């Protein structure tokens, strides 16, 4: 009886750890996606913020939207921890 309990406890621990690792892998992938989008936005659109008043072209508005959506997905995944 005790042996079954130990085997079951080990199985649960292994499953829990694998779940944590896959969660971290998802966070890492989302972080990488966000970093790439944010770097591209900075490269393409940083000069537009120096205009008075600051206005974004349609291309930069779309890039800004995608960057903000990636940030929201990343934050939502962090909350799941």
PDB file of N, CA and C in Angstrom:
ATOM      1  N   UNK A   1       0.824  -1.194   0.000  1.00  0.00           N
ATOM      2  CA  UNK A   1       0.000   0.000   0.000  1.00  0.00           C
ATOM      3  C   UNK A   1       0.870   1.261   0.000  1.00  0.00           C
ATOM      4  N   UNK A   2       1.883   1.247   0.857  1.00  0.00           N
ATOM      5  CA  UNK A   2       2.771   2.397   0.939  1.00  0.00           C
ATOM      6  C   UNK A   2       3.555   2.575  -0.365  1.00  0.00           C
ATOM      7  N   UNK A   3       3.901   1.478  -0.984  1.00  0.00           N
ATOM      8  CA  UNK A   3       4.652   1.529  -2.238  1.00  0.00           C
ATOM      9  C   UNK A   3       3.809   2.182  -3.340  1.00  0.00           C
ATOM     10  N   UNK A   4       2.519   1.861  -3.407  1.00  0.00           N
ATOM     11  CA  UNK A   4       1.630   2.462  -4.404  1.00  0.00           C
ATOM     12  C   UNK A   4       1.519   3.966  -4.174  1.00  0.00           C
ATOM     13  N   UNK A   5       1.456   4.351  -2.908  1.00  0.00           N
ATOM     14  CA  UNK A   5       1.361   5.770  -2.584  1.00  0.00           C
ATOM     15  C   UNK A   5       2.617   6.513  -3.047  1.00  0.00           C
ATOM     16  N   UNK A   6       3.772   5.937  -2.800  1.00  0.00           N
ATOM     17  CA  UNK A   6       5.037   6.565  -3.196  1.00  0.00           C
ATOM     18  C   UNK A   6       5.124   6.676  -4.715  1.00  0.00           C
ATOM     19  N   UNK A   7       4.750   5.614  -5.414  1.00  0.00           N
ATOM     20  CA  UNK A   7       4.767   5.637  -6.881  1.00  0.00           C
ATOM     21  C   UNK A   7       3.804   6.702  -7.402  1.00  0.00           C
ATOM     22  N   UNK A   8       2.621   6.784  -6.808  1.00  0.00           N
ATOM     23  CA  UNK A   8       1.635   7.781  -7.229  1.00  0.00           C
ATOM     24  C   UNK A   8       2.151   9.194  -6.952  1.00  0.00           C
ATOM     25  N   UNK A   9       2.775   9.402  -5.801  1.00  0.00           N
ATOM     26  CA  UNK A   9       3.304  10.720  -5.453  1.00  0.00           C
ATOM     27  C   UNK A   9       4.412  11.133  -6.420  1.00  0.00           C
ATOM     28  N   UNK A  10       5.263  10.207  -6.773  1.00  0.00           N
ATOM     29  CA  UNK A  10       6.336  10.502  -7.728  1.00  0.00           C
ATOM     30  C   UNK A  10       5.750  10.836  -9.099  1.00  0.00           C
ATOM     31  N   UNK A  11       4.736  10.090  -9.510  1.00  0.00           N
ATOM     32  CA  UNK A  11       4.099  10.349 -10.806  1.00  0.00           C
ATOM     33  C   UNK A  11       3.472  11.742 -10.833  1.00  0.00           C
ATOM     34  N   UNK A  12       2.804  12.115  -9.761  1.00  0.00           N
ATOM     35  CA  UNK A  12       2.187  13.445  -9.684  1.00  0.00           C
ATOM     36  C   UNK A  12       3.267  14.528  -9.728  1.00  0.00           C
ATOM     37  N   UNK A  13       4.357  14.312  -9.012  1.00  0.00           N
ATOM     38  CA  UNK A  13       5.446  15.292  -9.003  1.00  0.00           C
ATOM     39  C   UNK A  13       6.050  15.460 -10.396  1.00  0.00           C
ATOM     40  N   UNK A  14       6.239  14.373 -11.100  1.00  0.00           N
ATOM     41  CA  UNK A  14       6.805  14.437 -12.456  1.00  0.00           C
ATOM     42  C   UNK A  14       5.864  15.188 -13.391  1.00  0.00           C
ATOM     43  N   UNK A  15       4.576  14.894 -13.304  1.00  0.00           N
ATOM     44  CA  UNK A  15       3.608  15.588 -14.156  1.00  0.00           C
ATOM     45  C   UNK A  15       3.556  17.075 -13.825  1.00  0.00           C
ATOM     46  N   UNK A  16       3.622  17.410 -12.546  1.00  0.00           N
ATOM     47  CA  UNK A  16       3.593  18.819 -12.149  1.00  0.00           C
ATOM     48  C   UNK A  16       4.822  19.551 -12.674  1.00  0.00           C
ATOM     49  N   UNK A  17       5.978  18.924 -12.559  1.00  0.00           N
ATOM     50  CA  UNK A  17       7.204  19.559 -13.047  1.00  0.00           C
ATOM     51  C   UNK A  17       7.192  19.725 -14.558  1.00  0.00           C
ATOM     52  N   UNK A  18       6.680  18.751 -15.263  1.00  0.00           N
ATOM     53  CA  UNK A  18       6.631  18.877 -16.723  1.00  0.00           C
ATOM     54  C   UNK A  18       5.658  19.973 -17.132  1.00  0.00           C
ATOM     55  N   UNK A  19       4.585  20.138 -16.367  1.00  0.00           N
ATOM     56  CA  UNK A  19       3.651  21.228 -16.639  1.00  0.00           C
ATOM     57  C   UNK A  19       4.292  22.582 -16.428  1.00  0.00           C
ATOM     58  N   UNK A  20       5.091  22.708 -15.383  1.00  0.00           N
ATOM     59  CA  UNK A  20       5.798  23.963 -15.115  1.00  0.00           C
ATOM     60  C   UNK A  20       6.803  24.263 -16.218  1.00  0.00           C
ATOM     61  N   UNK A  21       7.496  23.250 -16.678  1.00  0.00           N
ATOM     62  CA  UNK A  21       8.478  23.462 -17.735  1.00  0.00           C
ATOM     63  C   UNK A  21       7.804  23.904 -19.031  1.00  0.00           C
ATOM     64  N   UNK A  22       6.666  23.306 -19.363  1.00  0.00           N
ATOM     65  CA  UNK A  22       5.997  23.708 -20.596  1.00  0.00           C
ATOM     66  C   UNK A  22       5.429  25.121 -20.460  1.00  0.00           C
ATOM     67  N   UNK A  23       4.991  25.483 -19.252  1.00  0.00           N
ATOM     68  CA  UNK A  23       4.503  26.837 -19.008  1.00  0.00           C
ATOM     69  C   UNK A  23       5.645  27.835 -19.200  1.00  0.00           C
ATOM     70  N   UNK A  24       6.814  27.518 -18.657  1.00  0.00           N
ATOM     71  CA  UNK A  24       7.971  28.400 -18.806  1.00  0.00           C
ATOM     72  C   UNK A  24       8.405  28.484 -20.264  1.00  0.00           C
ATOM     73  N   UNK A  25       8.315  27.383 -20.984  1.00  0.00           N
ATOM     74  CA  UNK A  25       8.668  27.398 -22.405  1.00  0.00           C
ATOM     75  C   UNK A  25       7.726  28.320 -23.178  1.00  0.00           C
ATOM     76  N   UNK A  26       6.447  28.315 -22.813  1.00  0.00           N
ATOM     77  CA  UNK A  26       5.481  29.184 -23.475  1.00  0.00           C
ATOM     78  C   UNK A  26       5.785  30.651 -23.166  1.00  0.00           C
ATOM     79  N   UNK A  27       6.121  30.924 -21.904  1.00  0.00           N
ATOM     80  CA  UNK A  27       6.483  32.291 -21.532  1.00  0.00           C
ATOM     81  C   UNK A  27       7.723  32.735 -22.295  1.00  0.00           C
ATOM     82  N   UNK A  28       8.708  31.857 -22.388  1.00  0.00           N
ATOM     83  CA  UNK A  28       9.932  32.194 -23.122  1.00  0.00           C
ATOM     84  C   UNK A  28       9.636  32.499 -24.587  1.00  0.00           C
ATOM     85  N   UNK A  29       8.761  31.711 -25.198  1.00  0.00           N
ATOM     86  CA  UNK A  29       8.404  31.935 -26.605  1.00  0.00           C
ATOM     87  C   UNK A  29       7.665  33.262 -26.772  1.00  0.00           C
ATOM     88  N   UNK A  30       6.743  33.561 -25.855  1.00  0.00           N
ATOM     89  CA  UNK A  30       6.012  34.826 -25.928  1.00  0.00           C
ATOM     90  C   UNK A  30       6.947  36.010 -25.701  1.00  0.00           C
ATOM     91  N   UNK A  31       7.898  35.858 -24.787  1.00  0.00           N
ATOM     92  CA  UNK A  31       8.867  36.931 -24.533  1.00  0.00           C
ATOM     93  C   UNK A  31       9.718  37.183 -25.773  1.00  0.00           C
ATOM     94  N   UNK A  32      10.137  36.113 -26.416  1.00  0.00           N
ATOM     95  CA  UNK A  32      10.949  36.244 -27.630  1.00  0.00           C
ATOM     96  C   UNK A  32      10.144  36.937 -28.737  1.00  0.00           C
ATOM     97  N   UNK A  33       8.874  36.555 -28.879  1.00  0.00           N
ATOM     98  CA  UNK A  33       8.011  37.190 -29.883  1.00  0.00           C
ATOM     99  C   UNK A  33       7.868  38.681 -29.591  1.00  0.00           C
ATOM    100  N   UNK A  34       7.588  39.011 -28.325  1.00  0.00           N
ATOM    101  CA  UNK A  34       7.430  40.419 -27.949  1.00  0.00           C
ATOM    102  C   UNK A  34       8.714  41.205 -28.201  1.00  0.00           C
ATOM    103  N   UNK A  35       9.849  40.652 -27.793  1.00  0.00           N
ATOM    104  CA  UNK A  35      11.125  41.344 -27.981  1.00  0.00           C
ATOM    105  C   UNK A  35      11.382  41.642 -29.457  1.00  0.00           C
ATOM    106  N   UNK A  36      11.080  40.686 -30.317  1.00  0.00           N
ATOM    107  CA  UNK A  36      11.271  40.891 -31.750  1.00  0.00           C
ATOM    108  C   UNK A  36      10.365  41.972 -32.309  1.00  0.00           C
ATOM    109  N   UNK A  37       9.088  41.934 -31.926  1.00  0.00           N
ATOM    110  CA  UNK A  37       8.142  42.938 -32.410  1.00  0.00           C
ATOM    111  C   UNK A  37       8.498  44.329 -31.894  1.00  0.00           C
ATOM    112  N   UNK A  38       8.896  44.395 -30.631  1.00  0.00           N
ATOM    113  CA  UNK A  38       9.231  45.685 -30.035  1.00  0.00           C
ATOM    114  C   UNK A  38      10.487  46.275 -30.676  1.00  0.00           C
ATOM    115  N   UNK A  39      11.473  45.434 -30.940  1.00  0.00           N
ATOM    116  CA  UNK A  39      12.699  45.904 -31.596  1.00  0.00           C
ATOM    117  C   UNK A  39      12.401  46.408 -33.011  1.00  0.00           C
ATOM    118  N   UNK A  40      11.551  45.690 -33.733  1.00  0.00           N
ATOM    119  CA  UNK A  40      11.177  46.116 -35.085  1.00  0.00           C
ATOM    120  C   UNK A  40      10.426  47.439 -35.042  1.00  0.00           C
ATOM    121  N   UNK A  41       9.516  47.584 -34.082  1.00  0.00           N
ATOM    122  CA  UNK A  41       8.768  48.829 -33.935  1.00  0.00           C
ATOM    123  C   UNK A  41       9.718  49.986 -33.638  1.00  0.00           C
ATOM    124  N   UNK A  42      10.648  49.779 -32.709  1.00  0.00           N
ATOM    125  CA  UNK A  42      11.624  50.825 -32.385  1.00  0.00           C
ATOM    126  C   UNK A  42      12.435  51.217 -33.614  1.00  0.00           C
ATOM    127  N   UNK A  43      12.873  50.214 -34.374  1.00  0.00           N
ATOM    128  CA  UNK A  43      13.694  50.462 -35.565  1.00  0.00           C
ATOM    129  C   UNK A  43      12.913  51.253 -36.614  1.00  0.00           C
ATOM    130  N   UNK A  44      11.673  50.834 -36.860  1.00  0.00           N
ATOM    131  CA  UNK A  44      10.876  51.443 -37.929  1.00  0.00           C
ATOM    132  C   UNK A  44      10.228  52.766 -37.530  1.00  0.00           C
ATOM    133  N   UNK A  45       9.896  52.935 -36.263  1.00  0.00           N
ATOM    134  CA  UNK A  45       8.962  53.998 -35.905  1.00  0.00           C
ATOM    135  C   UNK A  45       9.455  54.985 -34.850  1.00  0.00           C
ATOM    136  N   UNK A  46      10.646  54.825 -34.332  1.00  0.00           N
ATOM    137  CA  UNK A  46      11.081  55.715 -33.249  1.00  0.00           C
ATOM    138  C   UNK A  46      11.132  57.175 -33.695  1.00  0.00           C
ATOM    139  N   UNK A  47      11.497  57.433 -34.935  1.00  0.00           N
ATOM    140  CA  UNK A  47      11.586  58.812 -35.420  1.00  0.00           C
ATOM    141  C   UNK A  47      10.224  59.494 -35.433  1.00  0.00           C
ATOM    142  N   UNK A  48       9.159  58.729 -35.604  1.00  0.00           N
ATOM    143  CA  UNK A  48       7.825  59.328 -35.661  1.00  0.00           C
ATOM    144  C   UNK A  48       7.398  59.908 -34.317  1.00  0.00           C
ATOM    145  N   UNK A  49       7.989  59.443 -33.225  1.00  0.00           N
ATOM    146  CA  UNK A  49       7.652  59.986 -31.913  1.00  0.00           C
ATOM    147  C   UNK A  49       8.297  61.350 -31.678  1.00  0.00           C
ATOM    148  N   UNK A  50       9.294  61.703 -32.482  1.00  0.00           N
ATOM    149  CA  UNK A  50       9.954  62.989 -32.320  1.00  0.00           C
ATOM    150  C   UNK A  50       9.231  64.108 -33.062  1.00  0.00           C
ATOM    151  N   UNK A  51       8.241  63.771 -33.868  1.00  0.00           N
ATOM    152  CA  UNK A  51       7.441  64.786 -34.538  1.00  0.00           C
ATOM    153  C   UNK A  51       6.582  65.501 -33.493  1.00  0.00           C
ATOM    154  N   UNK A  52       6.230  66.743 -33.803  1.00  0.00           N
ATOM    155  CA  UNK A  52       5.342  67.489 -32.914  1.00  0.00           C
ATOM    156  C   UNK A  52       4.105  67.830 -33.708  1.00  0.00           C
ATOM    157  N   UNK A  53       2.958  67.366 -33.361  1.00  0.00           N
ATOM    158  CA  UNK A  53       2.677  66.341 -32.348  1.00  0.00           C
ATOM    159  C   UNK A  53       3.074  64.962 -32.879  1.00  0.00           C
ATOM    160  N   UNK A  54       3.379  64.042 -31.963  1.00  0.00           N
ATOM    161  CA  UNK A  54       3.770  62.696 -32.417  1.00  0.00           C
ATOM    162  C   UNK A  54       2.604  61.991 -33.110  1.00  0.00           C
ATOM    163  N   UNK A  55       2.843  61.578 -34.328  1.00  0.00           N
ATOM    164  CA  UNK A  55       1.824  60.849 -35.083  1.00  0.00           C
ATOM    165  C   UNK A  55       2.466  59.600 -35.659  1.00  0.00           C
ATOM    166  N   UNK A  56       1.680  58.549 -35.750  1.00  0.00           N
ATOM    167  CA  UNK A  56       2.182  57.289 -36.295  1.00  0.00           C
ATOM    168  C   UNK A  56       1.590  57.043 -37.669  1.00  0.00           C
ATOM    169  N   UNK A  57       2.415  56.571 -38.564  1.00  0.00           N
ATOM    170  CA  UNK A  57       1.941  56.175 -39.887  1.00  0.00           C
ATOM    171  C   UNK A  57       1.076  54.928 -39.723  1.00  0.00           C
ATOM    172  N   UNK A  58       0.287  54.581 -40.735  1.00  0.00           N
ATOM    173  CA  UNK A  58      -0.512  53.351 -40.646  1.00  0.00           C
ATOM    174  C   UNK A  58       0.350  52.111 -40.381  1.00  0.00           C
ATOM    175  N   UNK A  59       1.526  52.053 -41.008  1.00  0.00           N
ATOM    176  CA  UNK A  59       2.420  50.908 -40.785  1.00  0.00           C
ATOM    177  C   UNK A  59       2.847  50.845 -39.323  1.00  0.00           C
ATOM    178  N   UNK A  60       3.243  51.981 -38.767  1.00  0.00           N
ATOM    179  CA  UNK A  60       3.696  52.001 -37.375  1.00  0.00           C
ATOM    180  C   UNK A  60       2.534  51.780 -36.408  1.00  0.00           C
ATOM    181  N   UNK A  61       1.360  52.257 -36.770  1.00  0.00           N
ATOM    182  CA  UNK A  61       0.189  51.996 -35.927  1.00  0.00           C
ATOM    183  C   UNK A  61      -0.090  50.502 -35.849  1.00  0.00           C
ATOM    184  N   UNK A  62       0.039  49.821 -36.980  1.00  0.00           N
ATOM    185  CA  UNK A  62      -0.177  48.370 -37.006  1.00  0.00           C
ATOM    186  C   UNK A  62       0.907  47.649 -36.200  1.00  0.00           C
ATOM    187  N   UNK A  63       2.155  48.078 -36.358  1.00  0.00           N
ATOM    188  CA  UNK A  63       3.240  47.468 -35.585  1.00  0.00           C
ATOM    189  C   UNK A  63       3.037  47.703 -34.090  1.00  0.00           C
ATOM    190  N   UNK A  64       2.596  48.916 -33.734  1.00  0.00           N
ATOM    191  CA  UNK A  64       2.334  49.236 -32.328  1.00  0.00           C
ATOM    192  C   UNK A  64       1.225  48.345 -31.778  1.00  0.00           C
ATOM    193  N   UNK A  65       0.187  48.138 -32.568  1.00  0.00           N
ATOM    194  CA  UNK A  65      -0.928  47.278 -32.152  1.00  0.00           C
ATOM    195  C   UNK A  65      -0.443  45.845 -31.927  1.00  0.00           C
ATOM    196  N   UNK A  66       0.344  45.305 -32.867  1.00  0.00           N
ATOM    197  CA  UNK A  66       0.852  43.934 -32.721  1.00  0.00           C
ATOM    198  C   UNK A  66       1.763  43.806 -31.499  1.00  0.00           C
ATOM    199  N   UNK A  67       2.579  44.835 -31.254  1.00  0.00           N
ATOM    200  CA  UNK A  67       3.468  44.815 -30.091  1.00  0.00           C
ATOM    201  C   UNK A  67       2.656  44.810 -28.799  1.00  0.00           C
ATOM    202  N   UNK A  68       1.636  45.645 -28.730  1.00  0.00           N
ATOM    203  CA  UNK A  68       0.796  45.699 -27.524  1.00  0.00           C
ATOM    204  C   UNK A  68       0.033  44.396 -27.318  1.00  0.00           C
ATOM    205  N   UNK A  69      -0.429  43.773 -28.403  1.00  0.00           N
ATOM    206  CA  UNK A  69      -1.118  42.483 -28.284  1.00  0.00           C
ATOM    207  C   UNK A  69      -0.168  41.399 -27.779  1.00  0.00           C
ATOM    208  N   UNK A  70       1.070  41.407 -28.268  1.00  0.00           N
ATOM    209  CA  UNK A  70       2.065  40.429 -27.801  1.00  0.00           C
ATOM    210  C   UNK A  70       2.356  40.643 -26.321  1.00  0.00           C
ATOM    211  N   UNK A  71       2.432  41.907 -25.897  1.00  0.00           N
ATOM    212  CA  UNK A  71       2.666  42.218 -24.486  1.00  0.00           C
ATOM    213  C   UNK A  71       1.499  41.707 -23.632  1.00  0.00           C
ATOM    214  N   UNK A  72       0.284  41.904 -24.105  1.00  0.00           N
ATOM    215  CA  UNK A  72      -0.888  41.446 -23.357  1.00  0.00           C
ATOM    216  C   UNK A  72      -0.895  39.922 -23.230  1.00  0.00           C
ATOM    217  N   UNK A  73      -0.537  39.204 -24.304  1.00  0.00           N
ATOM    218  CA  UNK A  73      -0.472  37.738 -24.235  1.00  0.00           C
ATOM    219  C   UNK A  73       0.591  37.285 -23.242  1.00  0.00           C
ATOM    220  N   UNK A  74       1.725  37.970 -23.248  1.00  0.00           N
ATOM    221  CA  UNK A  74       2.808  37.634 -22.322  1.00  0.00           C
ATOM    222  C   UNK A  74       2.368  37.863 -20.878  1.00  0.00           C
ATOM    223  N   UNK A  75       1.734  38.991 -20.609  1.00  0.00           N
ATOM    224  CA  UNK A  75       1.278  39.277 -19.248  1.00  0.00           C
ATOM    225  C   UNK A  75       0.194  38.303 -18.804  1.00  0.00           C
ATOM    226  N   UNK A  76      -0.699  37.932 -19.708  1.00  0.00           N
ATOM    227  CA  UNK A  76      -1.749  36.966 -19.374  1.00  0.00           C
ATOM    228  C   UNK A  76      -1.146  35.615 -19.014  1.00  0.00           C
ATOM    229  N   UNK A  77      -0.101  35.221 -19.706  1.00  0.00           N
ATOM    230  CA  UNK A  77       0.551  33.944 -19.410  1.00  0.00           C
ATOM    231  C   UNK A  77       1.281  34.005 -18.071  1.00  0.00           C
ATOM    232  N   UNK A  78       1.860  35.149 -17.746  1.00  0.00           N
ATOM    233  CA  UNK A  78       2.521  35.303 -16.447  1.00  0.00           C
ATOM    234  C   UNK A  78       1.519  35.162 -15.300  1.00  0.00           C
ATOM    235  N   UNK A  79       0.316  35.673 -15.490  1.00  0.00           N
ATOM    236  CA  UNK A  79      -0.710  35.622 -14.447  1.00  0.00           C
ATOM    237  C   UNK A  79      -1.121  34.184 -14.147  1.00  0.00           C
ATOM    238  N   UNK A  80      -1.029  33.311 -15.131  1.00  0.00           N
ATOM    239  CA  UNK A  80      -1.438  31.913 -14.960  1.00  0.00           C
ATOM    240  C   UNK A  80      -0.558  31.152 -13.982  1.00  0.00           C
ATOM    241  N   UNK A  81       0.609  31.670 -13.659  1.00  0.00           N
ATOM    242  CA  UNK A  81       1.528  30.937 -12.777  1.00  0.00           C
ATOM    243  C   UNK A  81       0.944  30.704 -11.429  1.00  0.00           C
TER     244      UNK A  81
END
